[in-house]
Amino acid sequence: MLTDLVEIPAGVFRMGSTSFYPEEAPIHSVAVQPFALERHPVTNAQYGAFVDATGYVTLAEQELDPALYGDAEPGALVFRPTDGPVDLRDWRQWWHWIPGTSWRHPFGPDSTVEDKPGHPVVQVAYPDAAAFARWAGRRLPTEAEWEYAARAGSVSSYAWGDEEKPGGALMANTWQGDFPYRNDGALGWAGTSPVGTFPPNSWGLLDMIGNVWEWTATEFSAHHRLQDRSAPPKACCAPAGPAHPDISQTLKGGSHLCAPEYCHRYRPAARSPQSQDTATSHIGFRCAVG
C-alpha cells in the first residue's frame, strides 16, 4: 500500500533563486547524501489505511484548546473562490475556517474523498504527516532534499525547463484562470488531481510541482541559512509530539491554487511557511527513507 521509492543519488546542487521571491535567496551550494523519496504524494487511500490500522485522529478532528483558539470548533481551512476580483493582499477573502472539515471531508463536512482514493491527502497538519511517516517506517524529507529531488539535476526555473508551458503544454496542476475567482481547471481538474495526472520529472518523481504543497522537516526561516550546507541529520526528520502554533515548517512545490499573479511558487526553489498546527485544502506530503 505504501508508495514505491525512487533512489536519489548523492550530489551537490545550487539551491535557491534570486529571480522571484526574497525568501528564496541566497543561491548557495548544498551537498545532499543519497536517499530515497516516494514517487508521489501520499494519497487518500494510503492515509485511510494508516488511520484504519492505528486509529489515529488528525489535528483537524481533535477538540481545540480554548486558551489558544477560543471557542472555535474542530475543523480546518478551506479555499472558497470569491465572486469576482478582490484585493490579493487579504487572504482571508478566500480562506475560511469550516467546522467539520478534515482529511475525510477536505472541503467541508458535506464533501468526501470516497470518490478520490488516488488524489493526494490534504487537511493534514505537520504532526499528522509525521505520524504517517513513523508508521510507515519512513520520514519527512528536508527542504534541501526535496528541492534537490525536484530539480533532478536541472538548474532551470521550473522542474522541466525555463519555459512555464513548453510548447504550450501544461506540466503541473496549477491555477488556470483569474485568481481567486475563476479557475478553468488544469486538464479538467479544479482542485486536486489524481497523482500522476501530469508528467514526471526526469528522475521519475510525480507531482513535485503543483497539485499540493508538501510538508518538509525543515523549519522555515526568512532566508536560507547559509550555515546549513547539507541536509540536516536524519534524526530531525520524524518529529513526535504536539504541534507548535508558533513554529512554521517549510512547504515546497506549490499547489493547484498557485497562480502567477498571486503565487508564482510552482518551482523547485519556491518555499512557503506554514504553522505546524495548520491543515488546509491544498497541503499534503510525501515520505523519504535513508
C-alpha atoms as a PDB file:
ATOM      1  CA  MET A   1       0.000   0.000   0.000  1.00  0.00           C
ATOM      2  CA  LEU A   2       2.974   2.308   0.524  1.00  0.00           C
ATOM      3  CA  THR A   3       4.264   4.330  -2.421  1.00  0.00           C
ATOM      4  CA  ASP A   4       7.267   2.906  -4.222  1.00  0.00           C
ATOM      5  CA  LEU A   5      10.537   4.724  -3.632  1.00  0.00           C
ATOM      6  CA  VAL A   6      12.805   6.442  -6.146  1.00  0.00           C
ATOM      7  CA  GLU A   7      16.503   6.255  -5.314  1.00  0.00           C
ATOM      8  CA  ILE A   8      18.033   9.740  -5.294  1.00  0.00           C
ATOM      9  CA  PRO A   9      21.828   9.860  -5.829  1.00  0.00           C
ATOM     10  CA  ALA A  10      24.185  11.933  -3.732  1.00  0.00           C
ATOM     11  CA  GLY A  11      25.186  15.262  -5.183  1.00  0.00           C
ATOM     12  CA  VAL A  12      25.872  18.949  -4.786  1.00  0.00           C
ATOM     13  CA  PHE A  13      23.406  21.444  -6.226  1.00  0.00           C
ATOM     14  CA  ARG A  14      22.711  25.154  -6.325  1.00  0.00           C
ATOM     15  CA  MET A  15      19.765  25.748  -4.021  1.00  0.00           C
ATOM     16  CA  GLY A  16      17.520  28.800  -4.088  1.00  0.00           C
ATOM     17  CA  SER A  17      16.754  31.597  -6.526  1.00  0.00           C
ATOM     18  CA  THR A  18      17.109  35.366  -6.816  1.00  0.00           C
ATOM     19  CA  SER A  19      14.635  35.770  -9.676  1.00  0.00           C
ATOM     20  CA  PHE A  20      11.265  35.556  -7.900  1.00  0.00           C
ATOM     21  CA  TYR A  21      10.673  35.972  -4.133  1.00  0.00           C
ATOM     22  CA  PRO A  22      13.111  37.230  -1.460  1.00  0.00           C
ATOM     23  CA  GLU A  23      12.755  34.194   0.819  1.00  0.00           C
ATOM     24  CA  GLU A  24      14.282  32.001  -1.912  1.00  0.00           C
ATOM     25  CA  ALA A  25      17.648  33.777  -1.635  1.00  0.00           C
ATOM     26  CA  PRO A  26      20.534  33.471  -1.487  1.00  0.00           C
ATOM     27  CA  ILE A  27      21.570  30.908  -4.062  1.00  0.00           C
ATOM     28  CA  HIS A  28      24.068  28.601  -2.399  1.00  0.00           C
ATOM     29  CA  SER A  29      25.656  25.181  -2.835  1.00  0.00           C
ATOM     30  CA  VAL A  30      24.252  22.293  -0.815  1.00  0.00           C
ATOM     31  CA  ALA A  31      25.531  18.725  -0.556  1.00  0.00           C
ATOM     32  CA  VAL A  32      22.878  16.014  -0.306  1.00  0.00           C
ATOM     33  CA  GLN A  33      23.563  12.430   0.741  1.00  0.00           C
ATOM     34  CA  PRO A  34      21.853   9.561  -1.096  1.00  0.00           C
ATOM     35  CA  PHE A  35      18.291   8.847  -0.004  1.00  0.00           C
ATOM     36  CA  ALA A  36      15.017   7.591  -1.437  1.00  0.00           C
ATOM     37  CA  LEU A  37      11.836   9.586  -1.986  1.00  0.00           C
ATOM     38  CA  GLU A  38       8.282   8.409  -2.563  1.00  0.00           C
ATOM     39  CA  ARG A  39       7.297   8.631  -6.212  1.00  0.00           C
ATOM     40  CA  HIS A  40       4.153  10.616  -5.465  1.00  0.00           C
ATOM     41  CA  PRO A  41       2.393  12.325  -2.544  1.00  0.00           C
ATOM     42  CA  VAL A  42       0.577  10.154  -0.015  1.00  0.00           C
ATOM     43  CA  THR A  43      -2.967   9.540  -1.273  1.00  0.00           C
ATOM     44  CA  ASN A  44      -6.342   9.476   0.443  1.00  0.00           C
ATOM     45  CA  ALA A  45      -6.415   5.687   0.190  1.00  0.00           C
ATOM     46  CA  GLN A  46      -2.975   5.366   1.771  1.00  0.00           C
ATOM     47  CA  TYR A  47      -3.785   7.754   4.599  1.00  0.00           C
ATOM     48  CA  GLY A  48      -7.034   5.916   5.170  1.00  0.00           C
ATOM     49  CA  ALA A  49      -5.136   2.645   5.548  1.00  0.00           C
ATOM     50  CA  PHE A  50      -2.918   4.287   8.174  1.00  0.00           C
ATOM     51  CA  VAL A  51      -5.929   5.589  10.107  1.00  0.00           C
ATOM     52  CA  ASP A  52      -7.667   2.207   9.909  1.00  0.00           C
ATOM     53  CA  ALA A  53      -4.557   0.441  11.214  1.00  0.00           C
ATOM     54  CA  THR A  54      -3.803   2.835  14.059  1.00  0.00           C
ATOM     55  CA  GLY A  55      -6.975   4.715  14.960  1.00  0.00           C
ATOM     56  CA  TYR A  56      -5.050   7.944  14.527  1.00  0.00           C
ATOM     57  CA  VAL A  57      -7.052  11.170  14.908  1.00  0.00           C
ATOM     58  CA  THR A  58      -5.777  14.189  12.990  1.00  0.00           C
ATOM     59  CA  LEU A  59      -5.496  17.657  14.487  1.00  0.00           C
ATOM     60  CA  ALA A  60      -8.460  18.911  12.455  1.00  0.00           C
ATOM     61  CA  GLU A  61     -10.645  16.277  14.164  1.00  0.00           C
ATOM     62  CA  GLN A  62      -9.495  16.998  17.725  1.00  0.00           C
ATOM     63  CA  GLU A  63     -11.076  19.338  20.246  1.00  0.00           C
ATOM     64  CA  LEU A  64      -9.297  22.693  20.283  1.00  0.00           C
ATOM     65  CA  ASP A  65      -7.530  24.226  23.263  1.00  0.00           C
ATOM     66  CA  PRO A  66      -9.701  27.237  24.171  1.00  0.00           C
ATOM     67  CA  ALA A  67      -6.643  29.037  25.542  1.00  0.00           C
ATOM     68  CA  LEU A  68      -5.194  29.050  22.036  1.00  0.00           C
ATOM     69  CA  TYR A  69      -8.238  29.018  19.772  1.00  0.00           C
ATOM     70  CA  GLY A  70     -11.102  30.481  21.804  1.00  0.00           C
ATOM     71  CA  ASP A  71     -14.482  28.901  21.094  1.00  0.00           C
ATOM     72  CA  ALA A  72     -13.573  27.629  17.607  1.00  0.00           C
ATOM     73  CA  GLU A  73     -14.964  24.205  16.724  1.00  0.00           C
ATOM     74  CA  PRO A  74     -12.761  21.418  15.282  1.00  0.00           C
ATOM     75  CA  GLY A  75     -12.187  21.967  11.583  1.00  0.00           C
ATOM     76  CA  ALA A  76      -9.703  23.344   9.097  1.00  0.00           C
ATOM     77  CA  LEU A  77      -9.087  25.983   6.447  1.00  0.00           C
ATOM     78  CA  VAL A  78     -10.915  25.584   3.149  1.00  0.00           C
ATOM     79  CA  PHE A  79     -10.412  27.582  -0.035  1.00  0.00           C
ATOM     80  CA  ARG A  80     -13.572  29.125  -1.426  1.00  0.00           C
ATOM     81  CA  PRO A  81     -13.407  31.169  -4.651  1.00  0.00           C
ATOM     82  CA  THR A  82     -14.559  34.759  -4.444  1.00  0.00           C
ATOM     83  CA  ASP A  83     -17.386  36.187  -6.533  1.00  0.00           C
ATOM     84  CA  GLY A  84     -15.001  38.373  -8.520  1.00  0.00           C
ATOM     85  CA  PRO A  85     -11.711  40.298  -8.381  1.00  0.00           C
ATOM     86  CA  VAL A  86     -10.542  41.208  -4.871  1.00  0.00           C
ATOM     87  CA  ASP A  87      -7.534  42.745  -3.143  1.00  0.00           C
ATOM     88  CA  LEU A  88      -4.948  39.954  -3.313  1.00  0.00           C
ATOM     89  CA  ARG A  89      -3.237  41.238  -0.168  1.00  0.00           C
ATOM     90  CA  ASP A  90      -6.037  39.842   2.038  1.00  0.00           C
ATOM     91  CA  TRP A  91      -6.038  36.027   2.008  1.00  0.00           C
ATOM     92  CA  ARG A  92      -8.998  35.941   4.403  1.00  0.00           C
ATOM     93  CA  GLN A  93     -11.292  36.652   1.465  1.00  0.00           C
ATOM     94  CA  TRP A  94     -10.795  33.136   0.089  1.00  0.00           C
ATOM     95  CA  TRP A  95      -9.637  31.091   3.089  1.00  0.00           C
ATOM     96  CA  HIS A  96     -12.366  30.128   5.571  1.00  0.00           C
ATOM     97  CA  TRP A  97     -12.376  28.104   8.788  1.00  0.00           C
ATOM     98  CA  ILE A  98     -15.026  25.432   8.249  1.00  0.00           C
ATOM     99  CA  PRO A  99     -16.030  23.291  11.263  1.00  0.00           C
ATOM    100  CA  GLY A 100     -16.289  19.592  10.450  1.00  0.00           C
ATOM    101  CA  THR A 101     -13.535  19.740   7.826  1.00  0.00           C
ATOM    102  CA  SER A 102     -10.887  17.006   7.946  1.00  0.00           C
ATOM    103  CA  TRP A 103      -8.913  14.756   5.624  1.00  0.00           C
ATOM    104  CA  ARG A 104     -12.111  12.721   5.179  1.00  0.00           C
ATOM    105  CA  HIS A 105     -14.112  15.866   4.378  1.00  0.00           C
ATOM    106  CA  PRO A 106     -11.469  18.167   2.861  1.00  0.00           C
ATOM    107  CA  PHE A 107     -13.768  20.898   1.531  1.00  0.00           C
ATOM    108  CA  GLY A 108     -16.260  20.940   4.389  1.00  0.00           C
ATOM    109  CA  PRO A 109     -18.437  18.408   6.221  1.00  0.00           C
ATOM    110  CA  ASP A 110     -20.535  17.670   3.129  1.00  0.00           C
ATOM    111  CA  SER A 111     -17.511  16.752   0.990  1.00  0.00           C
ATOM    112  CA  THR A 112     -15.909  13.310   0.762  1.00  0.00           C
ATOM    113  CA  VAL A 113     -12.817  11.529  -0.502  1.00  0.00           C
ATOM    114  CA  GLU A 114     -14.593   8.248  -1.185  1.00  0.00           C
ATOM    115  CA  ASP A 115     -14.528   9.013  -4.909  1.00  0.00           C
ATOM    116  CA  LYS A 116     -10.940  10.319  -4.777  1.00  0.00           C
ATOM    117  CA  PRO A 117      -8.765   7.464  -3.467  1.00  0.00           C
ATOM    118  CA  GLY A 118      -5.890   8.349  -5.802  1.00  0.00           C
ATOM    119  CA  HIS A 119      -5.826  12.067  -5.009  1.00  0.00           C
ATOM    120  CA  PRO A 120      -3.252  13.439  -2.548  1.00  0.00           C
ATOM    121  CA  VAL A 121      -4.485  13.556   1.023  1.00  0.00           C
ATOM    122  CA  VAL A 122      -4.987  17.109   2.295  1.00  0.00           C
ATOM    123  CA  GLN A 123      -6.126  18.687   5.568  1.00  0.00           C
ATOM    124  CA  VAL A 124      -3.161  17.084   7.347  1.00  0.00           C
ATOM    125  CA  ALA A 125      -1.150  19.249   9.741  1.00  0.00           C
ATOM    126  CA  TYR A 126       2.565  18.716  10.253  1.00  0.00           C
ATOM    127  CA  PRO A 127       2.214  16.185  13.118  1.00  0.00           C
ATOM    128  CA  ASP A 128      -0.354  14.253  11.045  1.00  0.00           C
ATOM    129  CA  ALA A 129       2.156  13.875   8.219  1.00  0.00           C
ATOM    130  CA  ALA A 130       4.946  12.935  10.627  1.00  0.00           C
ATOM    131  CA  ALA A 131       2.738  10.329  12.322  1.00  0.00           C
ATOM    132  CA  PHE A 132       2.079   8.616   8.993  1.00  0.00           C
ATOM    133  CA  ALA A 133       5.794   8.662   8.201  1.00  0.00           C
ATOM    134  CA  ARG A 134       6.693   6.999  11.518  1.00  0.00           C
ATOM    135  CA  TRP A 135       4.007   4.341  10.997  1.00  0.00           C
ATOM    136  CA  ALA A 136       5.382   3.649   7.534  1.00  0.00           C
ATOM    137  CA  GLY A 137       8.970   3.389   8.834  1.00  0.00           C
ATOM    138  CA  ARG A 138       9.843   6.462   6.824  1.00  0.00           C
ATOM    139  CA  ARG A 139      10.357  10.168   7.486  1.00  0.00           C
ATOM    140  CA  LEU A 140       9.658  13.574   6.013  1.00  0.00           C
ATOM    141  CA  PRO A 141      12.294  14.940   3.627  1.00  0.00           C
ATOM    142  CA  THR A 142      14.304  18.038   4.433  1.00  0.00           C
ATOM    143  CA  GLU A 143      13.830  21.138   2.315  1.00  0.00           C
ATOM    144  CA  ALA A 144      17.223  20.626   0.676  1.00  0.00           C
ATOM    145  CA  GLU A 145      16.451  17.007  -0.191  1.00  0.00           C
ATOM    146  CA  TRP A 146      13.055  17.984  -1.573  1.00  0.00           C
ATOM    147  CA  GLU A 147      14.408  20.754  -3.809  1.00  0.00           C
ATOM    148  CA  TYR A 148      17.308  18.601  -4.993  1.00  0.00           C
ATOM    149  CA  ALA A 149      14.911  15.817  -5.983  1.00  0.00           C
ATOM    150  CA  ALA A 150      12.509  18.234  -7.698  1.00  0.00           C
ATOM    151  CA  ARG A 151      15.329  19.761  -9.741  1.00  0.00           C
ATOM    152  CA  ALA A 152      16.563  16.294 -10.808  1.00  0.00           C
ATOM    153  CA  GLY A 153      19.899  17.707 -11.863  1.00  0.00           C
ATOM    154  CA  SER A 154      18.437  20.797 -13.511  1.00  0.00           C
ATOM    155  CA  VAL A 155      19.313  24.440 -12.847  1.00  0.00           C
ATOM    156  CA  SER A 156      16.284  25.815 -14.701  1.00  0.00           C
ATOM    157  CA  SER A 157      13.494  27.895 -13.189  1.00  0.00           C
ATOM    158  CA  TYR A 158      10.903  25.115 -13.477  1.00  0.00           C
ATOM    159  CA  ALA A 159      11.337  21.409 -12.848  1.00  0.00           C
ATOM    160  CA  TRP A 160      11.050  20.781 -16.604  1.00  0.00           C
ATOM    161  CA  GLY A 161      12.981  23.754 -18.049  1.00  0.00           C
ATOM    162  CA  ASP A 162      12.897  27.531 -18.280  1.00  0.00           C
ATOM    163  CA  GLU A 163       9.528  27.788 -20.027  1.00  0.00           C
ATOM    164  CA  GLU A 164       6.405  27.616 -17.887  1.00  0.00           C
ATOM    165  CA  LYS A 165       4.445  25.840 -20.644  1.00  0.00           C
ATOM    166  CA  PRO A 166       6.920  24.336 -23.121  1.00  0.00           C
ATOM    167  CA  GLY A 167       5.264  24.100 -26.492  1.00  0.00           C
ATOM    168  CA  GLY A 168       2.016  25.170 -24.825  1.00  0.00           C
ATOM    169  CA  ALA A 169       1.891  22.020 -22.677  1.00  0.00           C
ATOM    170  CA  LEU A 170       0.569  22.263 -19.123  1.00  0.00           C
ATOM    171  CA  MET A 171       3.130  20.492 -16.953  1.00  0.00           C
ATOM    172  CA  ALA A 172       1.579  20.697 -13.491  1.00  0.00           C
ATOM    173  CA  ASN A 173      -1.724  21.173 -11.685  1.00  0.00           C
ATOM    174  CA  THR A 174      -1.771  24.909 -11.032  1.00  0.00           C
ATOM    175  CA  TRP A 175      -4.492  27.579 -11.167  1.00  0.00           C
ATOM    176  CA  GLN A 176      -5.751  28.215 -14.694  1.00  0.00           C
ATOM    177  CA  GLY A 177      -7.662  31.473 -14.923  1.00  0.00           C
ATOM    178  CA  ASP A 178      -8.033  34.587 -12.793  1.00  0.00           C
ATOM    179  CA  PHE A 179      -7.232  34.092  -9.121  1.00  0.00           C
ATOM    180  CA  PRO A 180      -9.141  33.765  -6.815  1.00  0.00           C
ATOM    181  CA  TYR A 181     -12.497  33.765  -8.592  1.00  0.00           C
ATOM    182  CA  ARG A 182     -12.180  31.870 -11.908  1.00  0.00           C
ATOM    183  CA  ASN A 183     -10.384  28.571 -12.301  1.00  0.00           C
ATOM    184  CA  ASP A 184     -10.819  26.839 -15.647  1.00  0.00           C
ATOM    185  CA  GLY A 185      -9.140  23.707 -14.304  1.00  0.00           C
ATOM    186  CA  ALA A 186      -5.839  22.007 -15.092  1.00  0.00           C
ATOM    187  CA  LEU A 187      -6.614  19.287 -17.629  1.00  0.00           C
ATOM    188  CA  GLY A 188     -10.138  19.451 -16.273  1.00  0.00           C
ATOM    189  CA  TRP A 189      -9.179  19.365 -12.580  1.00  0.00           C
ATOM    190  CA  ALA A 190     -10.162  22.377 -10.460  1.00  0.00           C
ATOM    191  CA  GLY A 191      -8.720  21.297  -7.123  1.00  0.00           C
ATOM    192  CA  THR A 192      -6.524  18.267  -6.520  1.00  0.00           C
ATOM    193  CA  SER A 193      -5.925  15.805  -9.340  1.00  0.00           C
ATOM    194  CA  PRO A 194      -5.100  12.087  -9.172  1.00  0.00           C
ATOM    195  CA  VAL A 195      -1.387  11.583  -8.578  1.00  0.00           C
ATOM    196  CA  GLY A 196       0.425  11.059 -11.875  1.00  0.00           C
ATOM    197  CA  THR A 197      -2.020  13.069 -13.996  1.00  0.00           C
ATOM    198  CA  PHE A 198       0.880  15.282 -15.073  1.00  0.00           C
ATOM    199  CA  PRO A 199       4.312  14.244 -16.406  1.00  0.00           C
ATOM    200  CA  PRO A 200       7.048  13.054 -14.014  1.00  0.00           C
ATOM    201  CA  ASN A 201      10.339  14.874 -13.746  1.00  0.00           C
ATOM    202  CA  SER A 202      13.454  13.341 -15.255  1.00  0.00           C
ATOM    203  CA  TRP A 203      14.048  11.225 -12.125  1.00  0.00           C
ATOM    204  CA  GLY A 204      10.577   9.724 -12.359  1.00  0.00           C
ATOM    205  CA  LEU A 205       9.019  11.686  -9.495  1.00  0.00           C
ATOM    206  CA  LEU A 206       5.360  12.690  -9.861  1.00  0.00           C
ATOM    207  CA  ASP A 207       3.650  15.912  -8.776  1.00  0.00           C
ATOM    208  CA  MET A 208       6.789  17.520  -7.391  1.00  0.00           C
ATOM    209  CA  ILE A 209       5.323  20.743  -8.730  1.00  0.00           C
ATOM    210  CA  GLY A 210       1.679  21.732  -8.258  1.00  0.00           C
ATOM    211  CA  ASN A 211      -1.288  19.675  -7.040  1.00  0.00           C
ATOM    212  CA  VAL A 212      -0.475  20.068  -3.311  1.00  0.00           C
ATOM    213  CA  TRP A 213       2.143  21.864  -1.277  1.00  0.00           C
ATOM    214  CA  GLU A 214       4.236  19.358   0.689  1.00  0.00           C
ATOM    215  CA  TRP A 215       5.464  19.457   4.276  1.00  0.00           C
ATOM    216  CA  THR A 216       9.207  19.187   4.880  1.00  0.00           C
ATOM    217  CA  ALA A 217      11.130  18.555   8.091  1.00  0.00           C
ATOM    218  CA  THR A 218      12.881  21.932   7.857  1.00  0.00           C
ATOM    219  CA  GLU A 219      11.734  24.849   9.987  1.00  0.00           C
ATOM    220  CA  PHE A 220      11.119  27.949   7.915  1.00  0.00           C
ATOM    221  CA  SER A 221      13.427  30.963   8.009  1.00  0.00           C
ATOM    222  CA  ALA A 222      13.047  34.258   6.167  1.00  0.00           C
ATOM    223  CA  HIS A 223      16.097  33.398   4.045  1.00  0.00           C
ATOM    224  CA  HIS A 224      18.185  30.276   3.569  1.00  0.00           C
ATOM    225  CA  ARG A 225      20.541  29.645   6.471  1.00  0.00           C
ATOM    226  CA  LEU A 226      23.946  29.512   4.851  1.00  0.00           C
ATOM    227  CA  GLN A 227      25.439  27.586   7.736  1.00  0.00           C
ATOM    228  CA  ASP A 228      23.192  24.666   6.756  1.00  0.00           C
ATOM    229  CA  ARG A 229      25.349  23.499   3.877  1.00  0.00           C
ATOM    230  CA  SER A 230      23.991  19.982   3.807  1.00  0.00           C
ATOM    231  CA  ALA A 231      20.824  18.123   4.641  1.00  0.00           C
ATOM    232  CA  PRO A 232      20.314  18.041   8.457  1.00  0.00           C
ATOM    233  CA  PRO A 233      20.776  14.808  10.427  1.00  0.00           C
ATOM    234  CA  LYS A 234      18.117  12.233   9.758  1.00  0.00           C
ATOM    235  CA  ALA A 235      17.028  12.196  13.426  1.00  0.00           C
ATOM    236  CA  CYS A 236      15.375  15.573  12.848  1.00  0.00           C
ATOM    237  CA  CYS A 237      13.042  14.234  10.263  1.00  0.00           C
ATOM    238  CA  ALA A 238      10.418  12.190  12.105  1.00  0.00           C
ATOM    239  CA  PRO A 239       9.136  14.593  14.791  1.00  0.00           C
ATOM    240  CA  ALA A 240       6.802  13.441  17.517  1.00  0.00           C
ATOM    241  CA  GLY A 241       4.674  15.356  19.978  1.00  0.00           C
ATOM    242  CA  PRO A 242       2.171  18.186  19.749  1.00  0.00           C
ATOM    243  CA  ALA A 243       2.150  20.860  17.075  1.00  0.00           C
ATOM    244  CA  HIS A 244       3.636  24.229  17.869  1.00  0.00           C
ATOM    245  CA  PRO A 245       1.440  27.035  16.523  1.00  0.00           C
ATOM    246  CA  ASP A 246       4.338  29.488  16.752  1.00  0.00           C
ATOM    247  CA  ILE A 247       6.712  27.328  14.695  1.00  0.00           C
ATOM    248  CA  SER A 248       6.436  27.197  10.923  1.00  0.00           C
ATOM    249  CA  GLN A 249       7.710  24.437   8.674  1.00  0.00           C
ATOM    250  CA  THR A 250       8.836  24.915   5.091  1.00  0.00           C
ATOM    251  CA  LEU A 251       6.409  23.874   2.377  1.00  0.00           C
ATOM    252  CA  LYS A 252       7.645  23.042  -1.114  1.00  0.00           C
ATOM    253  CA  GLY A 253       6.218  22.553  -4.587  1.00  0.00           C
ATOM    254  CA  GLY A 254       3.234  24.868  -4.934  1.00  0.00           C
ATOM    255  CA  SER A 255      -0.339  23.667  -5.383  1.00  0.00           C
ATOM    256  CA  HIS A 256      -3.467  23.743  -7.502  1.00  0.00           C
ATOM    257  CA  LEU A 257      -4.087  27.239  -6.067  1.00  0.00           C
ATOM    258  CA  CYS A 258      -0.842  28.756  -7.351  1.00  0.00           C
ATOM    259  CA  ALA A 259      -1.404  31.468  -9.953  1.00  0.00           C
ATOM    260  CA  PRO A 260       1.315  33.690 -11.438  1.00  0.00           C
ATOM    261  CA  GLU A 261      -0.411  36.929 -10.404  1.00  0.00           C
ATOM    262  CA  TYR A 262      -0.555  35.816  -6.765  1.00  0.00           C
ATOM    263  CA  CYS A 263       1.631  32.795  -6.005  1.00  0.00           C
ATOM    264  CA  HIS A 264       4.251  32.058  -8.651  1.00  0.00           C
ATOM    265  CA  ARG A 265       5.629  29.302  -6.464  1.00  0.00           C
ATOM    266  CA  TYR A 266       5.237  26.224  -8.645  1.00  0.00           C
ATOM    267  CA  ARG A 267       9.016  25.950  -8.962  1.00  0.00           C
ATOM    268  CA  PRO A 268      11.684  23.853  -7.173  1.00  0.00           C
ATOM    269  CA  ALA A 269      13.256  26.893  -5.482  1.00  0.00           C
ATOM    270  CA  ALA A 270       9.948  28.231  -4.169  1.00  0.00           C
ATOM    271  CA  ARG A 271       9.218  27.899  -0.471  1.00  0.00           C
ATOM    272  CA  SER A 272       6.460  28.957   1.888  1.00  0.00           C
ATOM    273  CA  PRO A 273       5.968  28.956   5.683  1.00  0.00           C
ATOM    274  CA  GLN A 274       3.111  27.147   7.399  1.00  0.00           C
ATOM    275  CA  SER A 275       2.491  26.803  11.128  1.00  0.00           C
ATOM    276  CA  GLN A 276       2.734  23.225  12.356  1.00  0.00           C
ATOM    277  CA  ASP A 277      -0.840  23.121  13.601  1.00  0.00           C
ATOM    278  CA  THR A 278      -2.470  24.236  10.343  1.00  0.00           C
ATOM    279  CA  ALA A 279      -4.318  21.961   7.933  1.00  0.00           C
ATOM    280  CA  THR A 280      -5.664  23.256   4.623  1.00  0.00           C
ATOM    281  CA  SER A 281      -7.266  22.012   1.430  1.00  0.00           C
ATOM    282  CA  HIS A 282      -4.029  22.366  -0.557  1.00  0.00           C
ATOM    283  CA  ILE A 283      -1.290  20.886   1.672  1.00  0.00           C
ATOM    284  CA  GLY A 284      -0.160  17.253   1.604  1.00  0.00           C
ATOM    285  CA  PHE A 285       3.151  15.393   1.912  1.00  0.00           C
ATOM    286  CA  ARG A 286       5.349  12.539   0.768  1.00  0.00           C
ATOM    287  CA  CYS A 287       7.893  10.465   2.694  1.00  0.00           C
ATOM    288  CA  ALA A 288      11.570   9.701   2.385  1.00  0.00           C
ATOM    289  CA  VAL A 289      13.912   6.924   3.507  1.00  0.00           C
ATOM    290  CA  GLY A 290      17.614   6.985   4.278  1.00  0.00           C
END
